[in-house]
C-alpha cells in the first residue's frame, strides 16, 4: 500500500515522505524509479525518491534515469551525480 499512499492526492507532506522512506527500507527500487518519473508528483518528492535510490545503491535504476529524456534535466543530472 506504500506506493499507492505516496501517489494519492489527499496525503500529508509528512506522510508522503514517511512512505517514500518505507519504500527505501524495503528496497523497492522499481517503485522509487517510477516516482522519480511521475510528472504529476511534486519535484520535492521526486528528488527525495531519487536520493532514496542512491541509499539503496540502485546504480542500474539511476543510470536508466540519466538516459530518460522524459524526466526533468535537473533530475537527470542529479541521478548522474548519484550513480
N, C-alpha and C. Protein backbone atom coordinates (compact mmCIF):
# COMPACT_ATOMS: atom_id res chain seq x y z
N UNK A 1 0.83 -1.21 0.00
CA UNK A 1 0.00 0.00 0.00
C UNK A 1 0.86 1.26 0.00
N UNK A 2 2.13 1.12 0.29
CA UNK A 2 3.02 2.28 0.42
C UNK A 2 3.09 3.11 -0.85
N UNK A 3 3.32 2.47 -1.99
CA UNK A 3 3.42 3.21 -3.25
C UNK A 3 2.13 3.97 -3.52
N UNK A 4 0.99 3.32 -3.34
CA UNK A 4 -0.29 3.97 -3.57
C UNK A 4 -0.49 5.17 -2.65
N UNK A 5 -0.01 5.07 -1.43
CA UNK A 5 -0.14 6.18 -0.49
C UNK A 5 0.64 7.39 -0.98
N UNK A 6 1.83 7.17 -1.50
CA UNK A 6 2.66 8.28 -1.98
C UNK A 6 1.96 9.04 -3.10
N UNK A 7 1.28 8.33 -3.99
CA UNK A 7 0.70 8.99 -5.16
C UNK A 7 -0.74 9.48 -4.96
N UNK A 8 -1.36 9.16 -3.83
CA UNK A 8 -2.70 9.65 -3.55
C UNK A 8 -2.71 11.17 -3.44
N UNK A 9 -3.83 11.78 -3.75
CA UNK A 9 -3.94 13.24 -3.71
C UNK A 9 -4.02 13.81 -2.30
N UNK A 10 -4.81 13.23 -1.44
CA UNK A 10 -5.06 13.80 -0.11
C UNK A 10 -4.17 13.17 0.97
N UNK A 11 -2.86 13.25 0.77
CA UNK A 11 -1.91 12.70 1.74
C UNK A 11 -1.02 13.85 2.21
N UNK A 12 -0.76 13.89 3.51
CA UNK A 12 0.07 14.97 4.04
C UNK A 12 1.51 14.85 3.53
N UNK A 13 2.18 15.96 3.54
CA UNK A 13 3.57 16.01 3.10
C UNK A 13 4.43 15.05 3.94
N UNK A 14 4.23 15.08 5.26
CA UNK A 14 4.99 14.22 6.17
C UNK A 14 4.74 12.76 5.88
N UNK A 15 3.47 12.42 5.67
CA UNK A 15 3.15 11.02 5.41
C UNK A 15 3.76 10.57 4.09
N UNK A 16 3.78 11.44 3.10
CA UNK A 16 4.36 11.11 1.79
C UNK A 16 5.86 10.80 1.96
N UNK A 17 6.57 11.65 2.73
CA UNK A 17 7.99 11.40 3.00
C UNK A 17 8.18 10.09 3.75
N UNK A 18 7.34 9.83 4.74
CA UNK A 18 7.43 8.58 5.51
C UNK A 18 7.24 7.37 4.62
N UNK A 19 6.31 7.46 3.70
CA UNK A 19 6.04 6.33 2.80
C UNK A 19 7.20 6.12 1.83
N UNK A 20 7.82 7.19 1.36
CA UNK A 20 9.00 7.04 0.49
C UNK A 20 10.12 6.39 1.29
N UNK A 21 10.29 6.80 2.54
CA UNK A 21 11.29 6.16 3.40
C UNK A 21 11.01 4.66 3.54
N UNK A 22 9.75 4.30 3.66
CA UNK A 22 9.39 2.87 3.77
C UNK A 22 9.76 2.12 2.49
N UNK A 23 9.57 2.77 1.34
CA UNK A 23 9.98 2.14 0.08
C UNK A 23 11.49 1.93 0.05
N UNK A 24 12.23 2.90 0.54
CA UNK A 24 13.70 2.79 0.58
C UNK A 24 14.10 1.63 1.49
N UNK A 25 13.50 1.57 2.68
CA UNK A 25 13.83 0.48 3.62
C UNK A 25 13.52 -0.88 3.03
N UNK A 26 12.47 -0.96 2.24
CA UNK A 26 12.06 -2.23 1.63
C UNK A 26 12.85 -2.54 0.36
N UNK A 27 13.67 -1.60 -0.08
CA UNK A 27 14.45 -1.82 -1.30
C UNK A 27 13.62 -1.82 -2.56
N UNK A 28 12.52 -1.09 -2.54
CA UNK A 28 11.59 -1.04 -3.68
C UNK A 28 12.11 -0.10 -4.77
N UNK A 29 13.22 -0.47 -5.39
CA UNK A 29 13.88 0.42 -6.35
C UNK A 29 13.04 0.67 -7.59
N UNK A 30 12.28 -0.30 -8.02
CA UNK A 30 11.43 -0.10 -9.21
C UNK A 30 10.38 0.97 -8.92
N UNK A 31 9.72 0.87 -7.77
CA UNK A 31 8.70 1.86 -7.42
C UNK A 31 9.31 3.23 -7.19
N UNK A 32 10.49 3.30 -6.61
CA UNK A 32 11.16 4.58 -6.43
C UNK A 32 11.47 5.21 -7.78
N UNK A 33 11.90 4.40 -8.73
CA UNK A 33 12.15 4.89 -10.09
C UNK A 33 10.90 5.43 -10.74
N UNK A 34 9.79 4.75 -10.52
CA UNK A 34 8.51 5.22 -11.05
C UNK A 34 8.15 6.58 -10.45
N UNK A 35 8.37 6.74 -9.17
CA UNK A 35 8.07 8.02 -8.51
C UNK A 35 8.91 9.15 -9.12
N UNK A 36 10.17 8.89 -9.39
CA UNK A 36 11.02 9.91 -9.99
C UNK A 36 10.48 10.31 -11.36
N UNK A 37 9.93 9.35 -12.09
CA UNK A 37 9.43 9.61 -13.44
C UNK A 37 8.04 10.27 -13.46
N UNK A 38 7.35 10.29 -12.34
CA UNK A 38 5.96 10.76 -12.30
C UNK A 38 5.88 12.28 -12.40
N UNK A 39 5.41 12.76 -13.53
CA UNK A 39 5.33 14.21 -13.73
C UNK A 39 4.26 14.85 -12.82
N UNK A 40 3.29 14.09 -12.38
CA UNK A 40 2.24 14.64 -11.53
C UNK A 40 2.64 14.78 -10.06
N UNK A 41 3.78 14.24 -9.70
CA UNK A 41 4.25 14.29 -8.32
C UNK A 41 5.17 15.50 -8.16
N UNK A 42 5.01 16.23 -7.08
CA UNK A 42 5.83 17.44 -6.85
C UNK A 42 7.32 17.10 -6.86
N UNK A 43 8.09 18.04 -7.35
CA UNK A 43 9.52 17.85 -7.50
C UNK A 43 10.25 17.45 -6.23
N UNK A 44 9.81 17.99 -5.09
CA UNK A 44 10.49 17.67 -3.84
C UNK A 44 10.41 16.17 -3.53
N UNK A 45 9.28 15.55 -3.87
CA UNK A 45 9.11 14.12 -3.61
C UNK A 45 9.86 13.29 -4.64
N UNK A 46 9.90 13.78 -5.85
CA UNK A 46 10.66 13.08 -6.90
C UNK A 46 12.16 13.09 -6.55
N UNK A 47 12.66 14.23 -6.06
CA UNK A 47 14.07 14.31 -5.65
C UNK A 47 14.34 13.42 -4.43
N UNK A 48 13.38 13.38 -3.52
CA UNK A 48 13.54 12.54 -2.33
C UNK A 48 13.61 11.06 -2.73
N UNK A 49 12.76 10.65 -3.66
CA UNK A 49 12.80 9.27 -4.16
C UNK A 49 14.12 9.00 -4.86
N UNK A 50 14.63 9.98 -5.59
CA UNK A 50 15.91 9.84 -6.27
C UNK A 50 17.03 9.62 -5.25
N UNK A 51 17.03 10.40 -4.19
CA UNK A 51 18.03 10.21 -3.13
C UNK A 51 17.87 8.84 -2.47
N UNK A 52 16.62 8.38 -2.37
CA UNK A 52 16.37 7.05 -1.82
C UNK A 52 16.98 5.96 -2.67
N UNK A 53 16.96 6.16 -3.98
CA UNK A 53 17.59 5.19 -4.87
C UNK A 53 19.09 5.11 -4.60
N UNK A 54 19.70 6.24 -4.35
CA UNK A 54 21.13 6.24 -4.02
C UNK A 54 21.37 5.49 -2.71
N UNK A 55 20.48 5.70 -1.72
CA UNK A 55 20.61 5.00 -0.44
C UNK A 55 20.51 3.49 -0.62
N UNK A 56 19.77 3.06 -1.64
CA UNK A 56 19.59 1.63 -1.93
C UNK A 56 20.71 1.09 -2.83
N UNK A 57 21.64 1.96 -3.21
CA UNK A 57 22.70 1.57 -4.15
C UNK A 57 22.12 1.04 -5.46
N UNK A 58 21.07 1.66 -5.93
CA UNK A 58 20.37 1.22 -7.14
C UNK A 58 21.00 1.87 -8.38
N UNK A 59 22.25 1.55 -8.61
CA UNK A 59 23.01 2.15 -9.71
C UNK A 59 22.33 1.93 -11.06
N UNK A 60 21.81 0.75 -11.29
CA UNK A 60 21.18 0.46 -12.58
C UNK A 60 19.98 1.36 -12.82
N UNK A 61 19.13 1.52 -11.83
CA UNK A 61 17.95 2.38 -11.98
C UNK A 61 18.39 3.83 -12.16
N UNK A 62 19.39 4.26 -11.40
CA UNK A 62 19.89 5.63 -11.54
C UNK A 62 20.43 5.87 -12.95
N UNK A 63 21.14 4.91 -13.48
CA UNK A 63 21.68 5.04 -14.84
C UNK A 63 20.56 5.10 -15.87
N UNK A 64 19.48 4.34 -15.65
CA UNK A 64 18.32 4.40 -16.55
C UNK A 64 17.69 5.79 -16.50
N UNK A 65 17.63 6.38 -15.32
CA UNK A 65 17.05 7.71 -15.18
C UNK A 65 17.90 8.77 -15.89
N UNK A 66 19.20 8.61 -15.86
CA UNK A 66 20.10 9.54 -16.55
C UNK A 66 19.78 9.57 -18.05
N UNK A 67 19.44 8.42 -18.59
CA UNK A 67 19.16 8.29 -20.03
C UNK A 67 17.72 8.64 -20.40
N UNK A 68 16.85 8.79 -19.42
CA UNK A 68 15.41 9.01 -19.67
C UNK A 68 15.14 10.48 -19.97
N UNK A 69 14.99 10.79 -21.25
CA UNK A 69 14.79 12.18 -21.67
C UNK A 69 13.40 12.72 -21.34
N UNK A 70 12.51 11.87 -20.82
CA UNK A 70 11.16 12.33 -20.48
C UNK A 70 11.12 13.00 -19.12
N UNK A 71 12.17 12.83 -18.31
CA UNK A 71 12.16 13.47 -16.99
C UNK A 71 12.97 14.76 -17.03
N UNK A 72 12.72 15.60 -16.06
CA UNK A 72 13.35 16.91 -15.98
C UNK A 72 14.88 16.79 -16.00
N UNK A 73 15.54 17.66 -16.78
CA UNK A 73 17.00 17.61 -16.85
C UNK A 73 17.70 17.73 -15.50
N UNK A 74 17.13 18.49 -14.56
CA UNK A 74 17.77 18.61 -13.25
C UNK A 74 17.74 17.27 -12.51
N UNK A 75 16.66 16.49 -12.68
CA UNK A 75 16.60 15.17 -12.06
C UNK A 75 17.59 14.22 -12.73
N UNK A 76 17.75 14.35 -14.03
CA UNK A 76 18.72 13.52 -14.75
C UNK A 76 20.14 13.82 -14.28
N UNK A 77 20.45 15.10 -14.11
CA UNK A 77 21.78 15.48 -13.63
C UNK A 77 22.02 14.94 -12.22
N UNK A 78 21.00 15.03 -11.37
CA UNK A 78 21.12 14.53 -10.00
C UNK A 78 21.31 13.01 -10.01
N UNK A 79 20.58 12.31 -10.86
CA UNK A 79 20.72 10.86 -10.98
C UNK A 79 22.15 10.51 -11.41
N UNK A 80 22.69 11.29 -12.33
CA UNK A 80 24.05 11.03 -12.80
C UNK A 80 25.05 11.23 -11.66
N UNK A 81 24.86 12.26 -10.87
CA UNK A 81 25.75 12.53 -9.74
C UNK A 81 25.68 11.41 -8.69
N UNK A 82 24.51 10.81 -8.55
CA UNK A 82 24.31 9.77 -7.53
C UNK A 82 24.73 8.39 -8.00
N UNK A 83 24.76 8.18 -9.32
CA UNK A 83 25.01 6.84 -9.87
C UNK A 83 26.41 6.33 -9.61
